[in-house]
């Protein structure tokens, strides 16, 4: 098996794939894409992925991008340890939770907060009404996912694809809360999600995947 993983530090979509690779114990070659150097736009990478985005994997001559598609592919090539375990209904629930994270917690909550605090021109104040609405929705989503826990993790006593999709977004909530006090995100995690996040962070391979530029 020859698998090359193209990763960008800080990309939540790429982070979920790295966690999954480590969890499954799949041998891989890590290639870090530098966004500041615009590696994703260089001809050799665009030839591999015309969408020029991470994550991307190349496996025995087969290139694949889109993180959810990659997670399902990894699950199929390592049947002994699953990212989508259980019955058809249980596997469908894991897929539902992953999509709910993307559609609701990420797109409707985190994206407007990130846009207001990081993407506006210097000196432009954030739209406080938009921030407050996103914070309100975020609090509701965090409570929702807390109620979806089925034991230590979202689908039982071992992490699945749903946990690896959700965690990077929770990490962003924590980071924005620490770096941007005006976000008012510090302390927003309800106890069930804070405790669940601590269990992810205690996984033996977690530190290997942590964005190095977040350590400062």
Protein backbone atom coordinates (compact mmCIF):
# COMPACT_ATOMS: atom_id res chain seq x y z
CA UNK A 1 0.00 0.00 0.00
CA UNK A 2 1.43 3.35 -1.04
CA UNK A 3 -0.61 6.30 0.20
CA UNK A 4 0.47 9.93 0.04
CA UNK A 5 -1.44 12.43 2.16
CA UNK A 6 -1.37 16.09 1.12
CA UNK A 7 -2.16 18.18 4.17
CA UNK A 8 -2.40 21.83 5.11
CA UNK A 9 -1.76 22.76 8.75
CA UNK A 10 -4.82 24.43 10.22
CA UNK A 11 -7.29 23.09 7.66
CA UNK A 12 -10.11 21.48 9.66
CA UNK A 13 -11.05 19.33 6.67
CA UNK A 14 -7.51 18.02 6.32
CA UNK A 15 -7.12 17.55 10.07
CA UNK A 16 -10.05 15.12 10.17
CA UNK A 17 -8.35 12.93 7.56
CA UNK A 18 -5.03 12.95 9.45
CA UNK A 19 -6.78 11.84 12.64
CA UNK A 20 -8.49 9.05 10.70
CA UNK A 21 -5.25 7.87 9.10
CA UNK A 22 -3.61 7.63 12.49
CA UNK A 23 -6.61 5.95 14.08
CA UNK A 24 -6.72 3.30 11.35
CA UNK A 25 -2.97 2.77 11.43
CA UNK A 26 -2.61 3.23 7.68
CA UNK A 27 0.99 3.78 6.53
CA UNK A 28 1.26 7.07 4.67
CA UNK A 29 3.71 9.66 3.42
CA UNK A 30 2.86 13.14 4.68
CA UNK A 31 3.31 16.05 2.28
CA UNK A 32 2.52 19.42 3.82
CA UNK A 33 1.13 22.04 1.46
CA UNK A 34 2.23 25.60 2.26
CA UNK A 35 -0.60 28.02 1.66
CA UNK A 36 1.73 31.00 2.05
CA UNK A 37 3.91 29.59 -0.76
CA UNK A 38 0.76 28.80 -2.78
CA UNK A 39 1.78 25.17 -3.16
CA UNK A 40 -1.84 24.30 -3.89
CA UNK A 41 -1.65 26.33 -7.11
CA UNK A 42 1.59 24.86 -8.42
CA UNK A 43 1.26 22.82 -11.63
CA UNK A 44 2.37 19.54 -10.08
CA UNK A 45 -0.36 19.71 -7.43
CA UNK A 46 -3.06 20.99 -9.77
CA UNK A 47 -2.25 18.07 -12.07
CA UNK A 48 -3.09 15.79 -9.16
CA UNK A 49 -6.13 17.73 -7.93
CA UNK A 50 -7.72 20.27 -10.32
CA UNK A 51 -9.65 21.72 -7.36
CA UNK A 52 -6.23 22.56 -5.81
CA UNK A 53 -7.37 21.91 -2.25
CA UNK A 54 -6.48 19.84 0.78
CA UNK A 55 -6.94 17.21 1.90
CA UNK A 56 -5.90 15.12 -1.07
CA UNK A 57 -4.64 11.56 -1.09
CA UNK A 58 -2.88 9.60 -3.78
CA UNK A 59 -3.10 5.84 -3.37
CA UNK A 60 -1.61 3.40 -5.86
CA UNK A 61 -2.15 5.83 -8.72
CA UNK A 62 -5.62 6.90 -7.58
CA UNK A 63 -6.12 10.52 -6.48
CA UNK A 64 -9.00 11.55 -4.24
CA UNK A 65 -10.08 14.77 -2.60
CA UNK A 66 -13.10 15.96 -0.55
CA UNK A 67 -12.59 14.93 3.05
CA UNK A 68 -15.81 12.97 3.57
CA UNK A 69 -15.14 10.94 0.43
CA UNK A 70 -11.61 10.27 1.69
CA UNK A 71 -12.91 9.09 5.08
CA UNK A 72 -15.27 6.61 3.43
CA UNK A 73 -12.48 5.39 1.16
CA UNK A 74 -10.14 4.84 4.10
CA UNK A 75 -12.88 2.95 5.90
CA UNK A 76 -13.23 0.58 2.95
CA UNK A 77 -9.55 -0.18 2.50
CA UNK A 78 -9.01 -1.07 6.18
CA UNK A 79 -11.98 -3.25 7.09
CA UNK A 80 -10.42 -4.52 10.33
CA UNK A 81 -10.86 -1.16 12.09
CA UNK A 82 -13.78 0.97 11.06
CA UNK A 83 -14.57 4.67 10.84
CA UNK A 84 -18.21 3.73 10.15
CA UNK A 85 -18.83 0.70 12.39
CA UNK A 86 -22.04 -1.10 13.22
CA UNK A 87 -25.31 -1.80 11.49
CA UNK A 88 -26.48 0.03 8.36
CA UNK A 89 -28.54 2.30 10.64
CA UNK A 90 -25.58 3.00 12.89
CA UNK A 91 -23.33 3.78 9.94
CA UNK A 92 -25.99 6.06 8.47
CA UNK A 93 -26.16 7.95 11.78
CA UNK A 94 -22.41 8.55 11.68
CA UNK A 95 -22.76 9.98 8.16
CA UNK A 96 -25.67 12.15 9.30
CA UNK A 97 -23.68 13.58 12.21
CA UNK A 98 -20.78 14.40 9.90
CA UNK A 99 -23.05 16.25 7.49
CA UNK A 100 -24.82 18.06 10.33
CA UNK A 101 -21.48 19.32 11.57
CA UNK A 102 -20.62 20.66 8.11
CA UNK A 103 -24.00 22.19 7.36
CA UNK A 104 -24.93 23.60 10.75
CA UNK A 105 -22.02 24.00 13.17
CA UNK A 106 -19.45 24.85 10.50
CA UNK A 107 -21.36 26.74 7.80
CA UNK A 108 -24.01 28.51 9.87
CA UNK A 109 -22.04 29.15 13.06
CA UNK A 110 -18.27 29.09 12.68
CA UNK A 111 -18.04 30.53 9.17
CA UNK A 112 -19.77 33.85 9.97
CA UNK A 113 -17.77 34.19 13.20
CA UNK A 114 -14.51 33.55 11.34
CA UNK A 115 -15.49 35.93 8.54
CA UNK A 116 -16.33 38.74 10.94
CA UNK A 117 -13.21 38.39 13.08
CA UNK A 118 -10.55 37.37 10.56
CA UNK A 119 -11.59 38.20 7.01
CA UNK A 120 -12.60 41.87 7.18
CA UNK A 121 -10.16 44.62 6.19
CA UNK A 122 -8.01 45.94 9.03
CA UNK A 123 -9.85 48.53 11.06
CA UNK A 124 -13.30 47.35 10.00
CA UNK A 125 -15.35 46.46 13.08
CA UNK A 126 -17.25 43.18 13.09
CA UNK A 127 -21.00 43.08 12.61
CA UNK A 128 -22.05 42.51 16.22
CA UNK A 129 -25.56 41.42 15.27
CA UNK A 130 -24.17 38.75 12.94
CA UNK A 131 -21.71 37.62 15.60
CA UNK A 132 -24.41 37.36 18.24
CA UNK A 133 -26.68 35.37 15.96
CA UNK A 134 -23.84 32.97 15.12
CA UNK A 135 -22.92 32.60 18.81
CA UNK A 136 -26.54 31.83 19.67
CA UNK A 137 -26.76 29.19 16.96
CA UNK A 138 -23.38 27.77 17.97
CA UNK A 139 -24.49 27.32 21.57
CA UNK A 140 -27.52 25.42 20.34
CA UNK A 141 -25.43 23.19 18.07
CA UNK A 142 -22.97 22.41 20.86
CA UNK A 143 -25.83 21.33 23.11
CA UNK A 144 -27.23 19.25 20.26
CA UNK A 145 -23.99 17.37 19.68
CA UNK A 146 -23.58 16.88 23.40
CA UNK A 147 -26.92 15.07 23.45
CA UNK A 148 -25.78 12.92 20.53
CA UNK A 149 -22.94 11.32 22.50
CA UNK A 150 -23.39 7.58 22.90
CA UNK A 151 -20.83 6.88 25.59
CA UNK A 152 -17.31 8.27 25.42
CA UNK A 153 -17.74 9.27 21.77
CA UNK A 154 -20.51 10.05 19.32
CA UNK A 155 -21.13 6.43 18.37
CA UNK A 156 -19.91 4.49 21.40
CA UNK A 157 -16.65 3.80 23.19
CA UNK A 158 -14.32 4.38 20.24
CA UNK A 159 -14.01 7.41 17.93
CA UNK A 160 -15.53 7.24 14.46
CA UNK A 161 -15.62 9.44 11.39
CA UNK A 162 -18.21 11.64 13.11
CA UNK A 163 -15.82 12.43 15.96
CA UNK A 164 -12.97 13.23 13.60
CA UNK A 165 -15.21 15.56 11.59
CA UNK A 166 -16.53 17.38 14.64
CA UNK A 167 -13.31 17.77 16.62
CA UNK A 168 -11.41 20.25 14.36
CA UNK A 169 -14.41 22.60 14.47
CA UNK A 170 -14.49 22.38 18.26
CA UNK A 171 -10.75 23.10 18.26
CA UNK A 172 -11.47 26.24 16.24
CA UNK A 173 -14.12 27.31 18.74
CA UNK A 174 -11.54 26.96 21.52
CA UNK A 175 -8.81 28.75 19.57
CA UNK A 176 -10.98 31.68 18.49
CA UNK A 177 -12.21 32.03 22.08
CA UNK A 178 -8.62 32.21 23.33
CA UNK A 179 -7.21 34.44 20.56
CA UNK A 180 -10.18 36.75 20.06
CA UNK A 181 -11.80 37.69 23.40
CA UNK A 182 -14.30 39.82 21.49
CA UNK A 183 -15.70 36.61 20.04
CA UNK A 184 -17.12 35.75 23.49
CA UNK A 185 -16.51 32.07 22.72
CA UNK A 186 -14.35 31.38 25.78
CA UNK A 187 -16.25 28.99 28.01
CA UNK A 188 -19.00 28.32 25.47
CA UNK A 189 -18.39 24.55 25.36
CA UNK A 190 -20.98 22.69 27.45
CA UNK A 191 -19.52 20.09 29.83
CA UNK A 192 -20.38 17.04 27.67
CA UNK A 193 -18.54 18.50 24.65
CA UNK A 194 -15.61 19.80 26.72
CA UNK A 195 -15.17 16.34 28.24
CA UNK A 196 -15.52 14.66 24.84
CA UNK A 197 -12.90 17.03 23.36
CA UNK A 198 -10.53 16.12 26.19
CA UNK A 199 -10.93 12.45 25.28
CA UNK A 200 -10.02 13.19 21.65
CA UNK A 201 -7.01 15.19 22.83
CA UNK A 202 -5.90 12.24 24.97
CA UNK A 203 -5.70 9.88 21.98
CA UNK A 204 -2.11 8.67 21.56
CA UNK A 205 -1.75 10.12 18.07
CA UNK A 206 -3.48 13.46 18.70
CA UNK A 207 -0.36 15.53 19.39
CA UNK A 208 1.20 14.38 16.12
CA UNK A 209 -1.67 15.98 14.20
CA UNK A 210 -1.94 19.24 16.14
CA UNK A 211 -1.24 22.31 13.96
CA UNK A 212 2.33 23.37 14.82
CA UNK A 213 1.61 27.08 14.40
CA UNK A 214 -1.12 26.83 17.04
CA UNK A 215 1.45 26.01 19.72
CA UNK A 216 2.65 29.60 20.01
